Amino acid sequence: MSRTLTEEDIRLLEKLAPECTSLTCAKSAAEYRSILAPVANHFAKDAEDFESRLLRLTDEEFSRIIAMIRSGEESIGCLPVECAEILISETMKRGDMNAANELYALYEMGGGCG
């Protein structure tokens, strides 16, 4: 899954990681192609920090990210296990058990980084 981030994607990335000053990964010099992977792998200090960042999202913003994962636009394959568990847990807390089950299955299937 390779895509170019839209203006809305960039807005969400900046909300989750306000310290993000460039859309290029400092380590690989590649442009970010997703929202959650850079947050989990480059900006969040740990899983607890990742969770606090997810809590910044409104229900509508969170649902948009979940919809993008479900459609294949957003990948969760690169998330550390702890961050994937938090994402799934937050999806359950926000009342979408079907999506949480689907995210779990998608993460278990792998799919690699996107």
C-alpha atoms as a PDB file:
ATOM      1  CA  MET A   1       0.000   0.000   0.000  1.00  0.00           C
ATOM      2  CA  SER A   2       1.726   3.122  -1.197  1.00  0.00           C
ATOM      3  CA  ARG A   3      -0.044   6.423  -1.398  1.00  0.00           C
ATOM      4  CA  THR A   4       0.499  10.122  -1.250  1.00  0.00           C
ATOM      5  CA  LEU A   5      -0.905  11.740   1.872  1.00  0.00           C
ATOM      6  CA  THR A   6      -3.844  14.062   1.292  1.00  0.00           C
ATOM      7  CA  GLU A   7      -4.228  17.427   3.004  1.00  0.00           C
ATOM      8  CA  GLU A   8      -6.633  15.783   5.482  1.00  0.00           C
ATOM      9  CA  ASP A   9      -4.101  12.988   6.152  1.00  0.00           C
ATOM     10  CA  ILE A  10      -1.413  15.577   6.818  1.00  0.00           C
ATOM     11  CA  ARG A  11      -3.728  17.463   9.169  1.00  0.00           C
ATOM     12  CA  LEU A  12      -4.356  14.255  11.131  1.00  0.00           C
ATOM     13  CA  LEU A  13      -0.644  13.416  11.200  1.00  0.00           C
ATOM     14  CA  GLU A  14       0.143  16.886  12.527  1.00  0.00           C
ATOM     15  CA  LYS A  15      -2.584  16.555  15.188  1.00  0.00           C
ATOM     16  CA  LEU A  16      -1.156  13.235  16.330  1.00  0.00           C
ATOM     17  CA  ALA A  17       2.460  14.426  16.097  1.00  0.00           C
ATOM     18  CA  PRO A  18       2.648  18.228  16.314  1.00  0.00           C
ATOM     19  CA  GLU A  19       6.427  17.944  16.430  1.00  0.00           C
ATOM     20  CA  CYS A  20       6.376  16.552  12.878  1.00  0.00           C
ATOM     21  CA  THR A  21       8.009  19.272  10.813  1.00  0.00           C
ATOM     22  CA  SER A  22       8.638  17.286   7.650  1.00  0.00           C
ATOM     23  CA  LEU A  23       6.771  14.624   5.733  1.00  0.00           C
ATOM     24  CA  THR A  24      10.070  12.864   5.075  1.00  0.00           C
ATOM     25  CA  CYS A  25      11.425  10.191   7.387  1.00  0.00           C
ATOM     26  CA  ALA A  26      14.751  11.342   8.801  1.00  0.00           C
ATOM     27  CA  LYS A  27      16.086   7.764   8.886  1.00  0.00           C
ATOM     28  CA  SER A  28      15.168   6.577   5.391  1.00  0.00           C
ATOM     29  CA  ALA A  29      14.693   9.904   3.561  1.00  0.00           C
ATOM     30  CA  ALA A  30      11.440   8.469   2.176  1.00  0.00           C
ATOM     31  CA  GLU A  31       8.178  10.380   2.286  1.00  0.00           C
ATOM     32  CA  TYR A  32       5.587   9.211   4.786  1.00  0.00           C
ATOM     33  CA  ARG A  33       2.874   7.143   3.087  1.00  0.00           C
ATOM     34  CA  SER A  34       0.676   6.594   6.128  1.00  0.00           C
ATOM     35  CA  ILE A  35      -0.447   8.295   9.310  1.00  0.00           C
ATOM     36  CA  LEU A  36      -0.188   5.789  12.158  1.00  0.00           C
ATOM     37  CA  ALA A  37       3.164   4.153  11.364  1.00  0.00           C
ATOM     38  CA  PRO A  38       5.196   7.377  11.611  1.00  0.00           C
ATOM     39  CA  VAL A  39       3.390   8.343  14.799  1.00  0.00           C
ATOM     40  CA  ALA A  40       4.037   4.952  16.425  1.00  0.00           C
ATOM     41  CA  ASN A  41       7.566   4.445  15.138  1.00  0.00           C
ATOM     42  CA  HIS A  42       9.076   7.927  15.036  1.00  0.00           C
ATOM     43  CA  PHE A  43       7.171  10.281  17.330  1.00  0.00           C
ATOM     44  CA  ALA A  44       5.545   8.359  20.195  1.00  0.00           C
ATOM     45  CA  LYS A  45       8.007   7.656  23.003  1.00  0.00           C
ATOM     46  CA  ASP A  46       6.235   4.438  23.923  1.00  0.00           C
ATOM     47  CA  ALA A  47       2.857   2.713  23.737  1.00  0.00           C
ATOM     48  CA  GLU A  48       1.394   4.933  26.463  1.00  0.00           C
ATOM     49  CA  ASP A  49       2.418   8.019  24.503  1.00  0.00           C
ATOM     50  CA  PHE A  50       0.877   6.507  21.354  1.00  0.00           C
ATOM     51  CA  GLU A  51      -2.369   6.024  23.261  1.00  0.00           C
ATOM     52  CA  SER A  52      -2.382   9.622  24.491  1.00  0.00           C
ATOM     53  CA  ARG A  53      -1.912  10.775  20.921  1.00  0.00           C
ATOM     54  CA  LEU A  54      -4.866   8.694  19.702  1.00  0.00           C
ATOM     55  CA  LEU A  55      -7.005  10.285  22.404  1.00  0.00           C
ATOM     56  CA  ARG A  56      -6.441  13.672  20.732  1.00  0.00           C
ATOM     57  CA  LEU A  57      -8.635  12.568  17.851  1.00  0.00           C
ATOM     58  CA  THR A  58     -12.323  13.301  17.756  1.00  0.00           C
ATOM     59  CA  ASP A  59     -14.626  10.343  17.170  1.00  0.00           C
ATOM     60  CA  GLU A  60     -15.028  11.483  13.569  1.00  0.00           C
ATOM     61  CA  GLU A  61     -11.263  11.701  12.982  1.00  0.00           C
ATOM     62  CA  PHE A  62     -10.686   8.339  14.663  1.00  0.00           C
ATOM     63  CA  SER A  63     -13.442   6.747  12.575  1.00  0.00           C
ATOM     64  CA  ARG A  64     -11.877   8.172   9.426  1.00  0.00           C
ATOM     65  CA  ILE A  65      -8.554   6.502  10.210  1.00  0.00           C
ATOM     66  CA  ILE A  66     -10.298   3.207  10.994  1.00  0.00           C
ATOM     67  CA  ALA A  67     -12.197   3.431   7.703  1.00  0.00           C
ATOM     68  CA  MET A  68      -8.914   4.004   5.853  1.00  0.00           C
ATOM     69  CA  ILE A  69      -7.408   0.923   7.511  1.00  0.00           C
ATOM     70  CA  ARG A  70     -10.440  -1.147   6.590  1.00  0.00           C
ATOM     71  CA  SER A  71     -10.289   0.035   2.960  1.00  0.00           C
ATOM     72  CA  GLY A  72      -6.547  -0.612   2.687  1.00  0.00           C
ATOM     73  CA  GLU A  73      -5.541   3.042   2.360  1.00  0.00           C
ATOM     74  CA  GLU A  74      -3.844   3.015   5.772  1.00  0.00           C
ATOM     75  CA  SER A  75      -1.624   0.170   6.947  1.00  0.00           C
ATOM     76  CA  ILE A  76      -1.162  -1.086  10.485  1.00  0.00           C
ATOM     77  CA  GLY A  77       1.391  -3.732   9.558  1.00  0.00           C
ATOM     78  CA  CYS A  78       4.303  -1.566  10.722  1.00  0.00           C
ATOM     79  CA  LEU A  79       2.873  -0.790  14.132  1.00  0.00           C
ATOM     80  CA  PRO A  80       4.648  -2.283  17.120  1.00  0.00           C
ATOM     81  CA  VAL A  81       2.462  -4.929  18.790  1.00  0.00           C
ATOM     82  CA  GLU A  82       1.789  -2.703  21.810  1.00  0.00           C
ATOM     83  CA  CYS A  83       0.563   0.136  19.577  1.00  0.00           C
ATOM     84  CA  ALA A  84      -1.649  -2.181  17.521  1.00  0.00           C
ATOM     85  CA  GLU A  85      -3.185  -3.485  20.762  1.00  0.00           C
ATOM     86  CA  ILE A  86      -3.886   0.081  21.883  1.00  0.00           C
ATOM     87  CA  LEU A  87      -5.460   0.951  18.532  1.00  0.00           C
ATOM     88  CA  ILE A  88      -7.713  -2.102  18.729  1.00  0.00           C
ATOM     89  CA  SER A  89      -8.596  -1.382  22.357  1.00  0.00           C
ATOM     90  CA  GLU A  90      -9.445   2.244  21.568  1.00  0.00           C
ATOM     91  CA  THR A  91     -11.609   1.067  18.676  1.00  0.00           C
ATOM     92  CA  MET A  92     -13.540  -1.137  21.125  1.00  0.00           C
ATOM     93  CA  LYS A  93     -13.842   1.707  23.646  1.00  0.00           C
ATOM     94  CA  ARG A  94     -15.274   3.925  20.954  1.00  0.00           C
ATOM     95  CA  GLY A  95     -17.936   1.304  20.376  1.00  0.00           C
ATOM     96  CA  ASP A  96     -17.031  -0.411  17.129  1.00  0.00           C
ATOM     97  CA  MET A  97     -16.463  -4.045  18.038  1.00  0.00           C
ATOM     98  CA  ASN A  98     -16.750  -5.200  14.405  1.00  0.00           C
ATOM     99  CA  ALA A  99     -13.976  -2.818  13.367  1.00  0.00           C
ATOM    100  CA  ALA A 100     -11.858  -3.895  16.359  1.00  0.00           C
ATOM    101  CA  ASN A 101     -12.187  -7.548  15.332  1.00  0.00           C
ATOM    102  CA  GLU A 102     -11.333  -6.652  11.746  1.00  0.00           C
ATOM    103  CA  LEU A 103      -8.258  -4.663  12.840  1.00  0.00           C
ATOM    104  CA  TYR A 104      -7.094  -7.601  14.926  1.00  0.00           C
ATOM    105  CA  ALA A 105      -7.443  -9.940  11.950  1.00  0.00           C
ATOM    106  CA  LEU A 106      -5.670  -7.488   9.631  1.00  0.00           C
ATOM    107  CA  TYR A 107      -2.790  -7.084  12.071  1.00  0.00           C
ATOM    108  CA  GLU A 108      -2.472 -10.837  12.561  1.00  0.00           C
ATOM    109  CA  MET A 109      -2.365 -11.364   8.777  1.00  0.00           C
ATOM    110  CA  GLY A 110       0.536  -8.939   8.545  1.00  0.00           C
ATOM    111  CA  GLY A 111       0.813  -7.184   5.247  1.00  0.00           C
ATOM    112  CA  GLY A 112       3.989  -5.313   5.964  1.00  0.00           C
ATOM    113  CA  CYS A 113       4.656  -1.633   6.020  1.00  0.00           C
ATOM    114  CA  GLY A 114       2.849   0.703   3.730  1.00  0.00           C
END
